[in-house]
């Protein structure tokens, strides 16, 4: 199931594999990536949402390097997956083995991850509800 990871038809493939009896918590051999991690890495918010639904996959599930799906979504700058994960109570302050949080990963990602870094910082300050910066008034720099 984890190897189904990414791609345009990921959600349909995951549904089919689950229907055929694949274990949702199956991981890749070396890194221990779940389908949830791979969906976040691929920027597939629909699959992330599906895999979190009905408690199929715990949002706090980690890889061998202690990365969560939120670490991967932050690294790719995928706003939609980040918001889905935050609404499912993902913690933007979880540390991986390198001492990185999803926030630090997004900040290190530069301009293409800036919006995600902002969302994660707001979520860390304001609790569990995801913040959509399109609805939030940003201070203007002078």
N, C-alpha and C. Protein backbone atom coordinates (compact mmCIF):
# COMPACT_ATOMS: atom_id res chain seq x y z
N UNK A 1 0.83 -1.19 0.00
CA UNK A 1 0.00 0.00 0.00
C UNK A 1 0.87 1.25 0.00
N UNK A 2 1.92 1.25 0.82
CA UNK A 2 2.78 2.44 0.89
C UNK A 2 3.42 2.72 -0.46
N UNK A 3 3.76 1.68 -1.20
CA UNK A 3 4.40 1.86 -2.50
C UNK A 3 3.46 2.52 -3.51
N UNK A 4 2.16 2.53 -3.24
CA UNK A 4 1.20 3.19 -4.13
C UNK A 4 1.37 4.70 -4.05
N UNK A 5 2.06 5.12 -3.02
CA UNK A 5 2.42 6.47 -2.64
C UNK A 5 1.96 7.68 -3.36
N UNK A 6 2.36 7.90 -4.55
CA UNK A 6 2.09 9.19 -5.16
C UNK A 6 1.49 8.99 -6.54
N UNK A 7 1.17 10.11 -7.12
CA UNK A 7 0.66 10.06 -8.49
C UNK A 7 -0.75 10.58 -8.57
N UNK A 8 -1.14 10.78 -9.79
CA UNK A 8 -2.42 11.40 -10.10
C UNK A 8 -3.61 10.59 -9.58
N UNK A 9 -3.52 9.28 -9.60
CA UNK A 9 -4.65 8.42 -9.22
C UNK A 9 -4.42 7.75 -7.87
N UNK A 10 -3.62 8.37 -7.02
CA UNK A 10 -3.26 7.78 -5.74
C UNK A 10 -4.47 7.42 -4.89
N UNK A 11 -5.43 8.29 -4.75
CA UNK A 11 -6.58 8.03 -3.87
C UNK A 11 -7.35 6.82 -4.33
N UNK A 12 -7.61 6.71 -5.64
CA UNK A 12 -8.34 5.55 -6.15
C UNK A 12 -7.55 4.26 -5.95
N UNK A 13 -6.24 4.32 -6.15
CA UNK A 13 -5.40 3.14 -5.96
C UNK A 13 -5.37 2.71 -4.50
N UNK A 14 -5.26 3.67 -3.59
CA UNK A 14 -5.26 3.35 -2.16
C UNK A 14 -6.59 2.71 -1.78
N UNK A 15 -7.71 3.27 -2.25
CA UNK A 15 -9.02 2.69 -1.94
C UNK A 15 -9.12 1.26 -2.44
N UNK A 16 -8.64 1.02 -3.65
CA UNK A 16 -8.68 -0.33 -4.22
C UNK A 16 -7.82 -1.30 -3.41
N UNK A 17 -6.61 -0.88 -3.06
CA UNK A 17 -5.72 -1.75 -2.29
C UNK A 17 -6.30 -2.07 -0.91
N UNK A 18 -6.92 -1.08 -0.28
CA UNK A 18 -7.55 -1.33 1.02
C UNK A 18 -8.72 -2.30 0.88
N UNK A 19 -9.50 -2.13 -0.19
CA UNK A 19 -10.63 -3.02 -0.43
C UNK A 19 -10.14 -4.47 -0.64
N UNK A 20 -8.97 -4.60 -1.23
CA UNK A 20 -8.40 -5.93 -1.48
C UNK A 20 -7.66 -6.49 -0.27
N UNK A 21 -7.65 -5.73 0.82
CA UNK A 21 -7.08 -6.25 2.06
C UNK A 21 -5.69 -5.80 2.42
N UNK A 22 -5.13 -4.86 1.70
CA UNK A 22 -3.80 -4.35 2.06
C UNK A 22 -3.86 -3.65 3.40
N UNK A 23 -2.86 -3.88 4.26
CA UNK A 23 -2.86 -3.20 5.56
C UNK A 23 -2.52 -1.73 5.40
N UNK A 24 -3.33 -0.85 5.98
CA UNK A 24 -3.13 0.59 5.84
C UNK A 24 -1.83 1.04 6.50
N UNK A 25 -1.35 0.29 7.46
CA UNK A 25 -0.12 0.67 8.16
C UNK A 25 1.12 0.01 7.55
N UNK A 26 1.01 -0.54 6.35
CA UNK A 26 2.17 -1.10 5.67
C UNK A 26 3.15 0.01 5.34
N UNK A 27 4.44 -0.27 5.50
CA UNK A 27 5.47 0.75 5.27
C UNK A 27 6.45 0.31 4.21
N UNK A 28 7.20 1.29 3.71
CA UNK A 28 8.32 0.97 2.84
C UNK A 28 9.40 0.32 3.71
N UNK A 29 10.23 -0.50 3.12
CA UNK A 29 11.17 -1.31 3.88
C UNK A 29 12.21 -0.50 4.65
N UNK A 30 12.84 0.45 4.02
CA UNK A 30 13.97 1.12 4.64
C UNK A 30 13.56 2.31 5.52
N UNK A 31 12.79 3.24 4.96
CA UNK A 31 12.46 4.48 5.66
C UNK A 31 11.22 4.38 6.54
N UNK A 32 10.47 3.29 6.41
CA UNK A 32 9.22 3.11 7.16
C UNK A 32 8.18 4.20 6.83
N UNK A 33 8.08 4.51 5.54
CA UNK A 33 7.09 5.49 5.08
C UNK A 33 5.74 4.80 4.89
N UNK A 34 4.71 5.42 5.41
CA UNK A 34 3.34 4.96 5.21
C UNK A 34 2.77 5.62 3.95
N UNK A 35 1.64 5.11 3.49
CA UNK A 35 0.94 5.75 2.37
C UNK A 35 0.63 7.21 2.71
N UNK A 36 0.32 7.50 3.97
CA UNK A 36 0.05 8.88 4.39
C UNK A 36 1.26 9.77 4.17
N UNK A 37 2.44 9.30 4.51
CA UNK A 37 3.65 10.10 4.31
C UNK A 37 3.90 10.35 2.83
N UNK A 38 3.72 9.32 2.03
CA UNK A 38 3.96 9.45 0.60
C UNK A 38 2.93 10.36 -0.06
N UNK A 39 1.69 10.31 0.41
CA UNK A 39 0.66 11.21 -0.13
C UNK A 39 1.01 12.66 0.19
N UNK A 40 1.48 12.91 1.41
CA UNK A 40 1.88 14.28 1.80
C UNK A 40 3.08 14.73 0.99
N UNK A 41 4.03 13.85 0.78
CA UNK A 41 5.22 14.16 0.00
C UNK A 41 4.86 14.46 -1.46
N UNK A 42 3.84 13.78 -1.96
CA UNK A 42 3.40 14.00 -3.35
C UNK A 42 2.49 15.21 -3.49
N UNK A 43 2.11 15.82 -2.37
CA UNK A 43 1.20 16.96 -2.44
C UNK A 43 -0.21 16.57 -2.80
N UNK A 44 -0.64 15.39 -2.35
CA UNK A 44 -1.96 14.89 -2.68
C UNK A 44 -2.88 15.02 -1.46
N UNK A 45 -3.45 16.21 -1.29
CA UNK A 45 -4.29 16.50 -0.13
C UNK A 45 -5.52 15.60 -0.06
N UNK A 46 -6.07 15.22 -1.20
CA UNK A 46 -7.25 14.34 -1.21
C UNK A 46 -6.90 12.98 -0.61
N UNK A 47 -5.73 12.45 -0.95
CA UNK A 47 -5.32 11.18 -0.39
C UNK A 47 -4.98 11.30 1.09
N UNK A 48 -4.34 12.41 1.46
CA UNK A 48 -4.04 12.66 2.88
C UNK A 48 -5.35 12.65 3.67
N UNK A 49 -6.34 13.37 3.18
CA UNK A 49 -7.63 13.44 3.86
C UNK A 49 -8.29 12.08 3.95
N UNK A 50 -8.26 11.32 2.86
CA UNK A 50 -8.85 9.98 2.86
C UNK A 50 -8.15 9.07 3.86
N UNK A 51 -6.82 9.09 3.87
CA UNK A 51 -6.07 8.20 4.76
C UNK A 51 -6.23 8.57 6.24
N UNK A 52 -6.57 9.81 6.52
CA UNK A 52 -6.84 10.22 7.90
C UNK A 52 -8.28 9.94 8.32
N UNK A 53 -9.16 9.81 7.34
CA UNK A 53 -10.58 9.59 7.62
C UNK A 53 -10.83 8.27 8.32
N UNK A 54 -11.85 8.24 9.15
CA UNK A 54 -12.23 7.04 9.91
C UNK A 54 -11.05 6.45 10.68
N UNK A 55 -10.11 7.31 11.04
CA UNK A 55 -8.92 6.89 11.81
C UNK A 55 -8.15 5.77 11.13
N UNK A 56 -8.12 5.78 9.79
CA UNK A 56 -7.35 4.76 9.08
C UNK A 56 -5.87 4.83 9.44
N UNK A 57 -5.32 6.03 9.50
CA UNK A 57 -3.91 6.23 9.81
C UNK A 57 -3.80 7.30 10.88
N UNK A 58 -3.05 7.04 11.94
CA UNK A 58 -2.88 8.10 12.95
C UNK A 58 -2.09 9.27 12.38
N UNK A 59 -2.56 10.49 12.62
CA UNK A 59 -1.90 11.68 12.09
C UNK A 59 -0.48 11.82 12.62
N UNK A 60 -0.20 11.29 13.79
CA UNK A 60 1.13 11.41 14.40
C UNK A 60 2.08 10.27 14.02
N UNK A 61 1.67 9.40 13.09
CA UNK A 61 2.54 8.30 12.68
C UNK A 61 3.87 8.83 12.15
N UNK A 62 4.97 8.20 12.56
CA UNK A 62 6.29 8.67 12.16
C UNK A 62 7.04 7.63 11.33
N UNK A 63 8.02 8.13 10.60
CA UNK A 63 8.92 7.29 9.82
C UNK A 63 10.08 6.86 10.72
N UNK A 64 11.03 6.13 10.16
CA UNK A 64 12.23 5.73 10.90
C UNK A 64 13.01 6.96 11.37
N UNK A 65 12.91 8.07 10.63
CA UNK A 65 13.60 9.31 10.99
C UNK A 65 12.73 10.23 11.85
N UNK A 66 11.60 9.70 12.32
CA UNK A 66 10.64 10.44 13.15
C UNK A 66 9.96 11.59 12.42
N UNK A 67 9.94 11.56 11.10
CA UNK A 67 9.19 12.54 10.33
C UNK A 67 7.71 12.16 10.35
N UNK A 68 6.86 13.17 10.41
CA UNK A 68 5.42 12.96 10.28
C UNK A 68 5.00 13.40 8.88
N UNK A 69 3.76 13.13 8.53
CA UNK A 69 3.26 13.59 7.24
C UNK A 69 3.35 15.11 7.15
N UNK A 70 3.21 15.80 8.28
CA UNK A 70 3.30 17.26 8.28
C UNK A 70 4.71 17.72 7.92
N UNK A 71 5.74 16.99 8.33
CA UNK A 71 7.11 17.32 7.91
C UNK A 71 7.22 17.29 6.38
N UNK A 72 6.63 16.24 5.77
CA UNK A 72 6.72 16.10 4.31
C UNK A 72 5.91 17.17 3.58
N UNK A 73 4.71 17.45 4.06
CA UNK A 73 3.89 18.48 3.43
C UNK A 73 4.57 19.85 3.55
N UNK A 74 5.20 20.09 4.70
CA UNK A 74 5.92 21.36 4.90
C UNK A 74 7.11 21.47 3.95
N UNK A 75 7.81 20.37 3.74
CA UNK A 75 8.99 20.37 2.87
C UNK A 75 8.63 20.66 1.42
N UNK A 76 7.46 20.25 1.00
CA UNK A 76 7.06 20.47 -0.39
C UNK A 76 6.28 21.76 -0.57
N UNK A 77 5.93 22.41 0.54
CA UNK A 77 5.16 23.66 0.44
C UNK A 77 3.72 23.43 0.05
N UNK A 78 3.19 22.24 0.35
CA UNK A 78 1.82 21.90 -0.04
C UNK A 78 0.81 22.40 0.99
N UNK A 79 0.28 23.59 0.74
CA UNK A 79 -0.65 24.26 1.65
C UNK A 79 -1.88 23.40 1.93
N UNK A 80 -2.46 22.79 0.92
CA UNK A 80 -3.69 22.02 1.11
C UNK A 80 -3.47 20.84 2.05
N UNK A 81 -2.39 20.10 1.85
CA UNK A 81 -2.11 18.97 2.74
C UNK A 81 -1.79 19.44 4.15
N UNK A 82 -1.07 20.55 4.27
CA UNK A 82 -0.76 21.10 5.59
C UNK A 82 -2.04 21.43 6.33
N UNK A 83 -2.98 22.08 5.67
CA UNK A 83 -4.24 22.44 6.32
C UNK A 83 -5.04 21.20 6.72
N UNK A 84 -5.09 20.20 5.84
CA UNK A 84 -5.78 18.94 6.19
C UNK A 84 -5.15 18.31 7.42
N UNK A 85 -3.83 18.26 7.45
CA UNK A 85 -3.12 17.65 8.58
C UNK A 85 -3.31 18.44 9.87
N UNK A 86 -3.27 19.75 9.80
CA UNK A 86 -3.48 20.57 10.99
C UNK A 86 -4.91 20.40 11.53
N UNK A 87 -5.86 20.33 10.65
CA UNK A 87 -7.25 20.13 11.08
C UNK A 87 -7.43 18.76 11.72
N UNK A 88 -6.56 17.81 11.37
CA UNK A 88 -6.60 16.48 11.98
C UNK A 88 -5.74 16.42 13.24
N UNK A 89 -5.28 17.58 13.69
CA UNK A 89 -4.52 17.74 14.94
C UNK A 89 -3.05 17.36 14.83
N UNK A 90 -2.47 17.48 13.63
CA UNK A 90 -1.03 17.28 13.49
C UNK A 90 -0.32 18.39 14.26
N UNK A 91 0.82 18.06 14.83
CA UNK A 91 1.54 19.01 15.67
C UNK A 91 2.68 19.66 14.89
N UNK A 92 2.61 20.99 14.67
CA UNK A 92 3.68 21.66 13.93
C UNK A 92 4.97 21.78 14.73
N UNK A 93 4.95 21.33 15.98
CA UNK A 93 6.14 21.40 16.83
C UNK A 93 6.78 20.03 17.06
N UNK A 94 6.34 18.98 16.35
CA UNK A 94 6.97 17.65 16.47
C UNK A 94 8.37 17.69 15.89
N UNK A 95 9.33 17.13 16.60
CA UNK A 95 10.72 17.07 16.15
C UNK A 95 11.01 15.73 15.49
N UNK A 96 11.81 15.78 14.41
CA UNK A 96 12.31 14.55 13.81
C UNK A 96 13.71 14.26 14.38
N UNK A 97 14.37 13.23 13.89
CA UNK A 97 15.69 12.85 14.41
C UNK A 97 16.76 13.92 14.18
N UNK A 98 16.54 14.80 13.22
CA UNK A 98 17.49 15.86 12.95
C UNK A 98 17.19 17.12 13.77
N UNK A 99 16.18 17.03 14.63
CA UNK A 99 15.82 18.18 15.45
C UNK A 99 15.00 19.22 14.71
N UNK A 100 14.40 18.84 13.60
CA UNK A 100 13.61 19.76 12.79
C UNK A 100 12.12 19.59 13.09
N UNK A 101 11.42 20.70 13.11
CA UNK A 101 9.96 20.67 13.16
C UNK A 101 9.44 20.96 11.76
N UNK A 102 8.17 20.70 11.50
CA UNK A 102 7.62 21.11 10.20
C UNK A 102 7.81 22.61 9.95
N UNK A 103 7.76 23.42 11.01
CA UNK A 103 7.96 24.86 10.85
C UNK A 103 9.37 25.14 10.34
N UNK A 104 10.38 24.56 10.98
CA UNK A 104 11.76 24.84 10.55
C UNK A 104 12.01 24.34 9.13
N UNK A 105 11.41 23.23 8.78
CA UNK A 105 11.57 22.70 7.43
C UNK A 105 10.96 23.66 6.41
N UNK A 106 9.77 24.18 6.70
CA UNK A 106 9.12 25.12 5.78
C UNK A 106 9.92 26.42 5.68
N UNK A 107 10.42 26.92 6.79
CA UNK A 107 11.21 28.15 6.77
C UNK A 107 12.47 27.94 5.93
N UNK A 108 13.11 26.80 6.09
CA UNK A 108 14.32 26.50 5.31
C UNK A 108 14.01 26.31 3.83
N UNK A 109 12.73 26.04 3.51
CA UNK A 109 12.33 25.84 2.12
C UNK A 109 12.29 27.10 1.29
N UNK A 110 12.43 28.23 1.93
CA UNK A 110 12.50 29.49 1.19
C UNK A 110 11.16 29.97 0.69
N UNK A 111 11.21 30.74 -0.38
CA UNK A 111 10.03 31.43 -0.90
C UNK A 111 8.90 30.48 -1.27
N UNK A 112 9.23 29.32 -1.84
CA UNK A 112 8.16 28.43 -2.27
C UNK A 112 7.42 27.78 -1.10
N UNK A 113 7.98 27.84 0.10
CA UNK A 113 7.33 27.29 1.29
C UNK A 113 6.90 28.38 2.27
N UNK A 114 7.02 29.65 1.88
CA UNK A 114 6.76 30.76 2.80
C UNK A 114 5.32 30.76 3.33
N UNK A 115 4.36 30.52 2.46
CA UNK A 115 2.96 30.52 2.89
C UNK A 115 2.71 29.40 3.89
N UNK A 116 3.28 28.23 3.62
CA UNK A 116 3.15 27.09 4.53
C UNK A 116 3.83 27.40 5.87
N UNK A 117 4.99 28.03 5.83
CA UNK A 117 5.68 28.41 7.08
C UNK A 117 4.79 29.33 7.91
N UNK A 118 4.13 30.29 7.25
CA UNK A 118 3.24 31.20 7.93
C UNK A 118 2.07 30.45 8.57
N UNK A 119 1.44 29.55 7.82
CA UNK A 119 0.31 28.75 8.34
C UNK A 119 0.75 27.95 9.56
N UNK A 120 1.90 27.30 9.46
CA UNK A 120 2.39 26.47 10.57
C UNK A 120 2.71 27.31 11.81
N UNK A 121 3.31 28.47 11.60
CA UNK A 121 3.61 29.34 12.73
C UNK A 121 2.32 29.82 13.40
N UNK A 122 1.33 30.18 12.62
CA UNK A 122 0.05 30.61 13.18
C UNK A 122 -0.63 29.47 13.93
N UNK A 123 -0.57 28.26 13.38
CA UNK A 123 -1.17 27.11 14.05
C UNK A 123 -0.46 26.81 15.37
N UNK A 124 0.85 26.95 15.39
CA UNK A 124 1.61 26.70 16.62
C UNK A 124 1.26 27.72 17.70
N UNK A 125 0.99 28.94 17.30
CA UNK A 125 0.63 29.99 18.27
C UNK A 125 -0.82 29.90 18.71
N UNK A 126 -1.68 29.52 17.77
CA UNK A 126 -3.12 29.61 18.04
C UNK A 126 -3.80 28.31 18.37
N UNK A 127 -3.10 27.23 18.43
CA UNK A 127 -3.74 25.98 18.80
C UNK A 127 -3.92 25.04 17.63
N UNK A 128 -5.02 24.31 17.64
CA UNK A 128 -5.19 23.19 16.72
C UNK A 128 -5.86 23.54 15.40
N UNK A 129 -6.54 24.66 15.31
CA UNK A 129 -7.25 24.99 14.07
C UNK A 129 -6.30 25.58 13.04
N UNK A 130 -6.37 25.06 11.83
CA UNK A 130 -5.51 25.56 10.75
C UNK A 130 -5.90 26.99 10.39
N UNK A 131 -4.91 27.76 10.03
CA UNK A 131 -5.12 29.15 9.63
C UNK A 131 -4.92 29.23 8.13
N UNK A 132 -5.86 29.85 7.46
CA UNK A 132 -5.74 30.07 6.02
C UNK A 132 -5.33 31.52 5.82
N UNK A 133 -4.08 31.77 5.39
CA UNK A 133 -3.61 33.14 5.29
C UNK A 133 -4.39 34.00 4.29
N UNK A 134 -5.12 33.39 3.39
CA UNK A 134 -5.91 34.18 2.45
C UNK A 134 -7.03 34.92 3.20
N UNK A 135 -7.43 34.40 4.35
CA UNK A 135 -8.49 35.02 5.14
C UNK A 135 -7.92 35.86 6.28
N UNK A 136 -6.64 35.79 6.47
CA UNK A 136 -5.98 36.48 7.59
C UNK A 136 -5.32 37.75 7.10
N UNK A 137 -5.43 38.80 7.85
CA UNK A 137 -4.78 40.07 7.51
C UNK A 137 -3.31 39.98 7.89
N UNK A 138 -2.42 40.12 6.93
CA UNK A 138 -0.99 40.09 7.19
C UNK A 138 -0.47 41.49 7.39
N UNK A 139 0.46 41.65 8.33
CA UNK A 139 1.07 42.97 8.47
C UNK A 139 1.91 43.29 7.24
N UNK A 140 1.90 44.54 6.82
CA UNK A 140 2.67 44.97 5.67
C UNK A 140 4.05 45.39 6.12
N UNK A 141 5.07 44.97 5.38
CA UNK A 141 6.42 45.38 5.73
C UNK A 141 6.68 46.80 5.22
N UNK A 142 7.49 47.53 5.95
CA UNK A 142 7.77 48.91 5.56
C UNK A 142 9.18 49.06 5.11
